[in-house]
């Protein structure tokens, strides 16, 4: 497993969860766990959207997405034994 930061262009876009780095958004740097997601808004003629998304479950048990614009990624570490 490569445990160094890599350019986001090399990240997997197959719904694998990965760790990403997003620099200086609102004067703060962020690290997120994200997946590449595709979706359409629920209205006629909506275009297919694709983005890196932080995925959270809302109070109804539905997935909520926050899109982010990372520059680097790395695989998630293994779970402890």
N, C-alpha and C. Protein backbone atom coordinates (compact mmCIF):
# COMPACT_ATOMS: atom_id res chain seq x y z
N UNK A 1 0.84 -1.18 0.00
CA UNK A 1 0.00 0.00 0.00
C UNK A 1 0.89 1.24 0.00
N UNK A 2 0.59 2.16 -0.90
CA UNK A 2 1.33 3.42 -0.97
C UNK A 2 0.79 4.35 0.09
N UNK A 3 1.61 4.77 1.05
CA UNK A 3 1.14 5.62 2.14
C UNK A 3 1.66 7.04 2.03
N UNK A 4 1.88 7.49 0.78
CA UNK A 4 2.28 8.88 0.55
C UNK A 4 1.17 9.60 -0.21
N UNK A 5 1.12 10.91 -0.06
CA UNK A 5 0.13 11.70 -0.78
C UNK A 5 0.42 11.65 -2.27
N UNK A 6 -0.64 11.45 -3.05
CA UNK A 6 -0.54 11.37 -4.50
C UNK A 6 -1.48 12.42 -5.12
N UNK A 7 -1.20 12.81 -6.35
CA UNK A 7 -2.05 13.75 -7.06
C UNK A 7 -3.47 13.18 -7.18
N UNK A 8 -4.48 14.02 -7.01
CA UNK A 8 -5.87 13.57 -7.06
C UNK A 8 -6.22 12.96 -8.41
N UNK A 9 -5.52 13.33 -9.46
CA UNK A 9 -5.79 12.77 -10.79
C UNK A 9 -5.57 11.26 -10.84
N UNK A 10 -4.78 10.73 -9.90
CA UNK A 10 -4.50 9.29 -9.89
C UNK A 10 -5.43 8.51 -8.96
N UNK A 11 -6.37 9.18 -8.32
CA UNK A 11 -7.24 8.53 -7.34
C UNK A 11 -8.27 7.61 -8.02
N UNK A 12 -8.65 6.53 -7.35
CA UNK A 12 -9.66 5.62 -7.92
C UNK A 12 -11.04 6.29 -7.94
N UNK A 13 -11.76 6.07 -9.03
CA UNK A 13 -13.12 6.62 -9.16
C UNK A 13 -14.13 5.49 -9.25
N UNK A 14 -13.99 4.54 -8.34
CA UNK A 14 -14.85 3.34 -8.34
C UNK A 14 -15.63 3.19 -7.03
N UNK A 15 -15.89 4.28 -6.35
CA UNK A 15 -16.60 4.31 -5.05
C UNK A 15 -15.76 3.80 -3.89
N UNK A 16 -14.45 3.64 -4.09
CA UNK A 16 -13.55 3.30 -2.99
C UNK A 16 -13.42 4.51 -2.07
N UNK A 17 -13.51 4.29 -0.78
CA UNK A 17 -13.29 5.38 0.18
C UNK A 17 -11.80 5.65 0.29
N UNK A 18 -11.43 6.94 0.21
CA UNK A 18 -10.03 7.34 0.29
C UNK A 18 -9.89 8.57 1.19
N UNK A 19 -8.68 8.84 1.61
CA UNK A 19 -8.36 10.03 2.39
C UNK A 19 -7.90 11.11 1.42
N UNK A 20 -8.45 12.34 1.53
CA UNK A 20 -8.06 13.41 0.62
C UNK A 20 -7.67 14.67 1.40
N UNK A 21 -6.89 15.49 0.73
CA UNK A 21 -6.42 16.77 1.27
C UNK A 21 -6.98 17.89 0.42
N UNK A 22 -7.63 18.86 1.07
CA UNK A 22 -8.16 20.04 0.39
C UNK A 22 -7.53 21.27 1.02
N UNK A 23 -6.71 22.01 0.27
CA UNK A 23 -5.99 23.15 0.86
C UNK A 23 -6.85 24.40 1.01
N UNK A 24 -6.64 25.08 2.08
CA UNK A 24 -7.11 26.45 2.33
C UNK A 24 -8.48 26.80 1.80
N UNK A 25 -9.49 26.15 2.29
CA UNK A 25 -10.86 26.54 1.99
C UNK A 25 -11.35 27.29 3.23
N UNK A 26 -11.72 28.52 3.07
CA UNK A 26 -12.11 29.38 4.21
C UNK A 26 -10.96 29.52 5.19
N UNK A 27 -9.76 29.63 4.69
CA UNK A 27 -8.51 29.83 5.45
C UNK A 27 -8.10 28.62 6.28
N UNK A 28 -8.73 27.47 6.08
CA UNK A 28 -8.34 26.25 6.80
C UNK A 28 -8.07 25.12 5.81
N UNK A 29 -7.10 24.29 6.14
CA UNK A 29 -6.85 23.09 5.35
C UNK A 29 -7.74 21.98 5.90
N UNK A 30 -8.13 21.06 5.04
CA UNK A 30 -9.01 19.98 5.47
C UNK A 30 -8.51 18.63 4.97
N UNK A 31 -8.77 17.61 5.76
CA UNK A 31 -8.59 16.22 5.36
C UNK A 31 -9.93 15.54 5.53
N UNK A 32 -10.38 14.82 4.50
CA UNK A 32 -11.67 14.16 4.51
C UNK A 32 -11.53 12.71 4.06
N UNK A 33 -12.51 11.90 4.43
CA UNK A 33 -12.70 10.59 3.82
C UNK A 33 -13.82 10.76 2.81
N UNK A 34 -13.54 10.42 1.56
CA UNK A 34 -14.49 10.68 0.47
C UNK A 34 -14.62 9.46 -0.44
N UNK A 35 -15.61 9.55 -1.32
CA UNK A 35 -15.79 8.63 -2.44
C UNK A 35 -16.13 9.46 -3.68
N UNK A 36 -15.78 8.94 -4.88
CA UNK A 36 -16.20 9.56 -6.13
C UNK A 36 -17.64 9.14 -6.37
N UNK A 37 -18.52 10.09 -6.60
CA UNK A 37 -19.93 9.79 -6.77
C UNK A 37 -20.50 10.46 -8.00
N UNK A 38 -21.50 9.82 -8.58
CA UNK A 38 -22.28 10.37 -9.70
C UNK A 38 -23.73 10.44 -9.26
N UNK A 39 -24.42 11.51 -9.64
CA UNK A 39 -25.83 11.65 -9.29
C UNK A 39 -26.51 12.64 -10.22
N UNK A 40 -27.83 12.63 -10.19
CA UNK A 40 -28.65 13.62 -10.90
C UNK A 40 -29.60 14.24 -9.88
N UNK A 41 -29.80 15.54 -10.00
CA UNK A 41 -30.82 16.19 -9.18
C UNK A 41 -32.18 15.71 -9.65
N UNK A 42 -33.16 15.82 -8.79
CA UNK A 42 -34.49 15.28 -9.07
C UNK A 42 -35.39 16.31 -9.75
N UNK A 43 -35.05 16.70 -10.99
CA UNK A 43 -35.91 17.56 -11.78
C UNK A 43 -35.67 17.25 -13.26
N UNK A 44 -36.66 17.49 -14.09
CA UNK A 44 -36.54 17.16 -15.52
C UNK A 44 -35.33 17.86 -16.16
N UNK A 45 -34.59 17.11 -16.95
CA UNK A 45 -33.45 17.67 -17.67
C UNK A 45 -32.18 17.82 -16.84
N UNK A 46 -32.19 17.32 -15.61
CA UNK A 46 -31.00 17.44 -14.74
C UNK A 46 -29.82 16.70 -15.36
N UNK A 47 -28.67 17.33 -15.34
CA UNK A 47 -27.46 16.73 -15.89
C UNK A 47 -26.79 15.83 -14.87
N UNK A 48 -26.03 14.88 -15.37
CA UNK A 48 -25.26 14.00 -14.50
C UNK A 48 -24.16 14.80 -13.83
N UNK A 49 -24.07 14.71 -12.52
CA UNK A 49 -23.04 15.40 -11.75
C UNK A 49 -22.06 14.34 -11.24
N UNK A 50 -20.78 14.70 -11.16
CA UNK A 50 -19.76 13.81 -10.62
C UNK A 50 -18.81 14.64 -9.78
N UNK A 51 -18.45 14.12 -8.60
CA UNK A 51 -17.57 14.87 -7.72
C UNK A 51 -17.06 13.97 -6.60
N UNK A 52 -16.00 14.46 -5.93
CA UNK A 52 -15.54 13.84 -4.68
C UNK A 52 -16.52 14.26 -3.60
N UNK A 53 -17.03 13.31 -2.85
CA UNK A 53 -18.08 13.58 -1.87
C UNK A 53 -17.75 13.00 -0.50
N UNK A 54 -17.95 13.83 0.52
CA UNK A 54 -17.96 13.36 1.90
C UNK A 54 -19.37 12.82 2.11
N UNK A 55 -19.49 11.60 2.56
CA UNK A 55 -20.80 10.98 2.66
C UNK A 55 -21.19 10.84 4.13
N UNK A 56 -22.36 11.34 4.46
CA UNK A 56 -22.90 11.27 5.82
C UNK A 56 -24.34 10.80 5.72
N UNK A 57 -24.81 10.10 6.72
CA UNK A 57 -26.22 9.72 6.76
C UNK A 57 -26.99 10.79 7.53
N UNK A 58 -28.13 11.21 6.97
CA UNK A 58 -28.94 12.20 7.66
C UNK A 58 -29.88 11.52 8.64
N UNK A 59 -30.72 12.29 9.30
CA UNK A 59 -31.59 11.74 10.34
C UNK A 59 -32.63 10.77 9.78
N UNK A 60 -32.90 10.80 8.48
CA UNK A 60 -33.84 9.88 7.86
C UNK A 60 -33.16 8.61 7.36
N UNK A 61 -31.85 8.49 7.59
CA UNK A 61 -31.11 7.33 7.13
C UNK A 61 -30.69 7.41 5.68
N UNK A 62 -30.92 8.54 5.03
CA UNK A 62 -30.53 8.75 3.65
C UNK A 62 -29.11 9.33 3.61
N UNK A 63 -28.40 9.06 2.52
CA UNK A 63 -27.06 9.62 2.37
C UNK A 63 -27.14 11.09 2.00
N UNK A 64 -26.37 11.91 2.68
CA UNK A 64 -26.16 13.31 2.32
C UNK A 64 -24.75 13.43 1.80
N UNK A 65 -24.54 14.32 0.83
CA UNK A 65 -23.23 14.50 0.24
C UNK A 65 -22.76 15.93 0.40
N UNK A 66 -21.51 16.09 0.75
CA UNK A 66 -20.86 17.40 0.70
C UNK A 66 -19.74 17.25 -0.30
N UNK A 67 -19.76 18.02 -1.37
CA UNK A 67 -18.70 17.91 -2.37
C UNK A 67 -17.48 18.70 -1.92
N UNK A 68 -16.31 18.19 -2.27
CA UNK A 68 -15.05 18.84 -1.93
C UNK A 68 -14.17 18.88 -3.17
N UNK A 69 -13.14 19.70 -3.13
CA UNK A 69 -12.24 19.89 -4.27
C UNK A 69 -10.81 19.60 -3.83
N UNK A 70 -10.47 18.33 -3.61
CA UNK A 70 -9.14 17.99 -3.10
C UNK A 70 -8.06 18.08 -4.18
N UNK A 71 -6.83 18.20 -3.71
CA UNK A 71 -5.68 18.21 -4.61
C UNK A 71 -4.84 16.94 -4.50
N UNK A 72 -4.95 16.22 -3.37
CA UNK A 72 -4.15 15.03 -3.13
C UNK A 72 -4.97 13.96 -2.42
N UNK A 73 -4.52 12.73 -2.53
CA UNK A 73 -5.21 11.61 -1.89
C UNK A 73 -4.20 10.57 -1.43
N UNK A 74 -4.68 9.67 -0.58
CA UNK A 74 -3.94 8.46 -0.19
C UNK A 74 -4.95 7.41 0.27
N UNK A 75 -4.56 6.13 0.21
CA UNK A 75 -5.47 5.08 0.69
C UNK A 75 -5.71 5.25 2.19
N UNK A 76 -6.86 4.75 2.62
CA UNK A 76 -7.13 4.74 4.06
C UNK A 76 -6.20 3.75 4.74
N UNK A 77 -5.80 4.02 5.98
CA UNK A 77 -4.96 3.06 6.69
C UNK A 77 -5.78 1.80 7.03
N UNK A 78 -5.09 0.74 7.29
CA UNK A 78 -5.75 -0.50 7.71
C UNK A 78 -6.33 -0.33 9.10
N UNK A 79 -7.40 -1.08 9.36
CA UNK A 79 -7.96 -1.08 10.71
C UNK A 79 -6.99 -1.74 11.68
N UNK A 80 -7.00 -1.33 12.94
CA UNK A 80 -6.13 -1.99 13.92
C UNK A 80 -6.55 -3.44 14.16
N UNK A 81 -5.61 -4.22 14.59
CA UNK A 81 -5.91 -5.65 14.89
C UNK A 81 -6.66 -5.77 16.19
